[in-house]
Amino acid sequence: MEAKILGDVPNLPKGIARENKIIQTVMSQLLFALDGLHSTGIVHRDIKPQNIIFSEGSNKLSVYLKFHAILI
């Protein structure tokens, strides 16, 4: 799964620097998803690890947020 998160990155460091890059990539995708929700007026009020879904495609990893919508 790591290769799907990082893609083809030459000379990627090992150890903590590699872990930091993975975290940055996943957080970037989460923040992008939240920005998309906020731009349509939807606010996710229950962000937690249990509501984050990872989906492996053929050559990439996608991150989704699970939530229940309530229309008023």
N, C-alpha and C. Protein backbone atom coordinates (compact mmCIF):
# COMPACT_ATOMS: atom_id res chain seq x y z
N MET A 1 0.82 -1.19 0.00
CA MET A 1 0.00 0.00 0.00
C MET A 1 0.87 1.26 0.00
N GLU A 2 2.03 1.17 0.58
CA GLU A 2 2.92 2.34 0.64
C GLU A 2 3.25 2.87 -0.75
N ALA A 3 3.49 1.97 -1.69
CA ALA A 3 3.80 2.40 -3.06
C ALA A 3 2.63 3.13 -3.69
N LYS A 4 1.41 2.76 -3.34
CA LYS A 4 0.23 3.43 -3.89
C LYS A 4 0.05 4.81 -3.28
N ILE A 5 0.47 4.97 -2.04
CA ILE A 5 0.37 6.29 -1.40
C ILE A 5 1.41 7.24 -1.96
N LEU A 6 2.65 6.78 -2.04
CA LEU A 6 3.77 7.65 -2.42
C LEU A 6 3.98 7.73 -3.93
N GLY A 7 3.51 6.73 -4.67
CA GLY A 7 3.74 6.72 -6.10
C GLY A 7 5.18 6.38 -6.40
N ASP A 8 5.65 6.80 -7.54
CA ASP A 8 7.01 6.53 -7.97
C ASP A 8 7.90 7.71 -7.60
N VAL A 9 8.43 7.71 -6.41
CA VAL A 9 9.27 8.81 -5.94
C VAL A 9 10.72 8.33 -5.87
N PRO A 10 11.58 8.88 -6.71
CA PRO A 10 12.98 8.46 -6.67
C PRO A 10 13.69 8.99 -5.42
N ASN A 11 14.62 8.22 -4.91
CA ASN A 11 15.45 8.62 -3.76
C ASN A 11 14.64 8.98 -2.52
N LEU A 12 13.56 8.26 -2.29
CA LEU A 12 12.75 8.52 -1.10
C LEU A 12 13.51 8.07 0.14
N PRO A 13 13.59 8.94 1.15
CA PRO A 13 14.35 8.57 2.35
C PRO A 13 13.68 7.41 3.09
N LYS A 14 14.42 6.81 3.99
CA LYS A 14 13.90 5.69 4.77
C LYS A 14 13.59 6.16 6.19
N GLY A 15 12.93 5.31 6.93
CA GLY A 15 12.66 5.57 8.34
C GLY A 15 11.61 6.63 8.56
N ILE A 16 11.89 7.53 9.49
CA ILE A 16 10.91 8.53 9.91
C ILE A 16 10.56 9.50 8.79
N ALA A 17 11.51 9.80 7.92
CA ALA A 17 11.23 10.71 6.80
C ALA A 17 10.22 10.09 5.85
N ARG A 18 10.29 8.79 5.64
CA ARG A 18 9.34 8.08 4.79
C ARG A 18 7.95 8.10 5.43
N GLU A 19 7.90 7.83 6.74
CA GLU A 19 6.62 7.85 7.45
C GLU A 19 5.99 9.24 7.42
N ASN A 20 6.81 10.27 7.57
CA ASN A 20 6.30 11.65 7.50
C ASN A 20 5.70 11.95 6.13
N LYS A 21 6.34 11.45 5.07
CA LYS A 21 5.83 11.68 3.72
C LYS A 21 4.48 10.98 3.53
N ILE A 22 4.33 9.78 4.06
CA ILE A 22 3.05 9.06 3.98
C ILE A 22 1.97 9.83 4.72
N ILE A 23 2.27 10.29 5.92
CA ILE A 23 1.30 11.04 6.71
C ILE A 23 0.90 12.33 6.00
N GLN A 24 1.87 13.04 5.43
CA GLN A 24 1.58 14.27 4.70
C GLN A 24 0.66 14.01 3.51
N THR A 25 0.89 12.93 2.80
CA THR A 25 0.09 12.60 1.62
C THR A 25 -1.35 12.27 2.02
N VAL A 26 -1.52 11.45 3.04
CA VAL A 26 -2.87 11.07 3.49
C VAL A 26 -3.61 12.29 4.04
N MET A 27 -2.93 13.10 4.86
CA MET A 27 -3.58 14.29 5.41
C MET A 27 -3.97 15.28 4.31
N SER A 28 -3.14 15.39 3.29
CA SER A 28 -3.46 16.27 2.17
C SER A 28 -4.75 15.82 1.49
N GLN A 29 -4.91 14.51 1.30
CA GLN A 29 -6.14 14.00 0.68
C GLN A 29 -7.35 14.24 1.58
N LEU A 30 -7.18 14.05 2.90
CA LEU A 30 -8.29 14.30 3.83
C LEU A 30 -8.70 15.77 3.82
N LEU A 31 -7.72 16.66 3.85
CA LEU A 31 -8.04 18.09 3.85
C LEU A 31 -8.68 18.52 2.53
N PHE A 32 -8.26 17.91 1.43
CA PHE A 32 -8.87 18.18 0.14
C PHE A 32 -10.34 17.76 0.15
N ALA A 33 -10.63 16.59 0.72
CA ALA A 33 -12.01 16.11 0.82
C ALA A 33 -12.85 17.03 1.70
N LEU A 34 -12.29 17.46 2.83
CA LEU A 34 -13.02 18.38 3.71
C LEU A 34 -13.28 19.72 3.04
N ASP A 35 -12.31 20.21 2.30
CA ASP A 35 -12.48 21.47 1.58
C ASP A 35 -13.62 21.34 0.57
N GLY A 36 -13.68 20.20 -0.12
CA GLY A 36 -14.78 19.97 -1.06
C GLY A 36 -16.13 19.97 -0.37
N LEU A 37 -16.20 19.33 0.78
CA LEU A 37 -17.47 19.33 1.53
C LEU A 37 -17.83 20.75 1.97
N HIS A 38 -16.87 21.46 2.54
CA HIS A 38 -17.14 22.81 3.03
C HIS A 38 -17.55 23.76 1.91
N SER A 39 -17.00 23.57 0.72
CA SER A 39 -17.34 24.46 -0.40
C SER A 39 -18.78 24.28 -0.85
N THR A 40 -19.40 23.14 -0.49
CA THR A 40 -20.81 22.93 -0.83
C THR A 40 -21.72 23.18 0.37
N GLY A 41 -21.14 23.65 1.47
CA GLY A 41 -21.94 23.97 2.65
C GLY A 41 -22.14 22.81 3.60
N ILE A 42 -21.41 21.72 3.41
CA ILE A 42 -21.53 20.56 4.30
C ILE A 42 -20.40 20.59 5.31
N VAL A 43 -20.75 20.39 6.58
CA VAL A 43 -19.76 20.37 7.66
C VAL A 43 -19.74 18.97 8.26
N HIS A 44 -18.59 18.34 8.29
CA HIS A 44 -18.44 17.02 8.89
C HIS A 44 -18.14 17.23 10.37
N ARG A 45 -19.04 16.74 11.23
CA ARG A 45 -18.89 17.00 12.66
C ARG A 45 -18.37 15.80 13.44
N ASP A 46 -17.92 14.78 12.75
CA ASP A 46 -17.48 13.57 13.45
C ASP A 46 -16.26 12.97 12.76
N ILE A 47 -15.21 13.77 12.63
CA ILE A 47 -13.99 13.26 11.99
C ILE A 47 -13.20 12.46 13.02
N LYS A 48 -13.01 11.19 12.71
CA LYS A 48 -12.25 10.29 13.58
C LYS A 48 -11.74 9.14 12.72
N PRO A 49 -10.76 8.39 13.20
CA PRO A 49 -10.19 7.31 12.38
C PRO A 49 -11.23 6.31 11.85
N GLN A 50 -12.27 6.04 12.63
CA GLN A 50 -13.29 5.08 12.21
C GLN A 50 -14.09 5.57 11.01
N ASN A 51 -14.08 6.86 10.74
CA ASN A 51 -14.84 7.43 9.63
C ASN A 51 -13.97 7.76 8.42
N ILE A 52 -12.76 7.25 8.42
CA ILE A 52 -11.86 7.43 7.27
C ILE A 52 -11.75 6.10 6.55
N ILE A 53 -12.04 6.11 5.25
CA ILE A 53 -12.05 4.89 4.46
C ILE A 53 -10.93 4.97 3.42
N PHE A 54 -10.13 3.92 3.35
CA PHE A 54 -9.08 3.83 2.35
C PHE A 54 -9.52 2.84 1.28
N SER A 55 -9.36 3.21 0.03
CA SER A 55 -9.74 2.36 -1.09
C SER A 55 -8.56 2.23 -2.05
N GLU A 56 -8.17 0.99 -2.32
CA GLU A 56 -7.05 0.75 -3.24
C GLU A 56 -7.57 0.56 -4.65
N GLY A 57 -7.11 1.41 -5.56
CA GLY A 57 -7.41 1.25 -6.97
C GLY A 57 -6.30 0.49 -7.66
N SER A 58 -6.28 0.52 -8.97
CA SER A 58 -5.27 -0.23 -9.70
C SER A 58 -3.86 0.30 -9.43
N ASN A 59 -3.71 1.60 -9.34
CA ASN A 59 -2.36 2.13 -9.09
C ASN A 59 -2.36 3.34 -8.18
N LYS A 60 -3.41 3.48 -7.34
CA LYS A 60 -3.40 4.58 -6.39
C LYS A 60 -4.28 4.25 -5.18
N LEU A 61 -4.11 5.01 -4.14
CA LEU A 61 -4.90 4.85 -2.93
C LEU A 61 -5.77 6.08 -2.78
N SER A 62 -7.06 5.87 -2.55
CA SER A 62 -7.98 6.99 -2.36
C SER A 62 -8.42 7.02 -0.90
N VAL A 63 -8.66 8.21 -0.39
CA VAL A 63 -9.10 8.40 0.98
C VAL A 63 -10.49 9.04 0.94
N TYR A 64 -11.43 8.46 1.67
CA TYR A 64 -12.81 8.96 1.72
C TYR A 64 -13.21 9.21 3.16
N LEU A 65 -14.17 10.10 3.35
CA LEU A 65 -14.75 10.34 4.67
C LEU A 65 -16.16 9.77 4.69
N LYS A 66 -16.47 9.02 5.72
CA LYS A 66 -17.82 8.47 5.89
C LYS A 66 -18.59 9.41 6.80
N PHE A 67 -19.82 9.72 6.41
CA PHE A 67 -20.64 10.58 7.25
C PHE A 67 -22.11 10.38 6.93
N HIS A 68 -22.95 10.81 7.85
CA HIS A 68 -24.39 10.79 7.67
C HIS A 68 -24.84 12.23 7.49
N ALA A 69 -25.61 12.48 6.46
CA ALA A 69 -26.09 13.84 6.19
C ALA A 69 -27.48 14.02 6.77
N ILE A 70 -27.68 15.17 7.35
CA ILE A 70 -29.00 15.53 7.86
C ILE A 70 -29.39 16.84 7.19
N LEU A 71 -30.49 16.82 6.48
CA LEU A 71 -30.97 18.03 5.81
C LEU A 71 -32.00 18.70 6.70
N ILE A 72 -31.87 20.00 6.86
CA ILE A 72 -32.80 20.75 7.70
C ILE A 72 -33.66 21.63 6.82
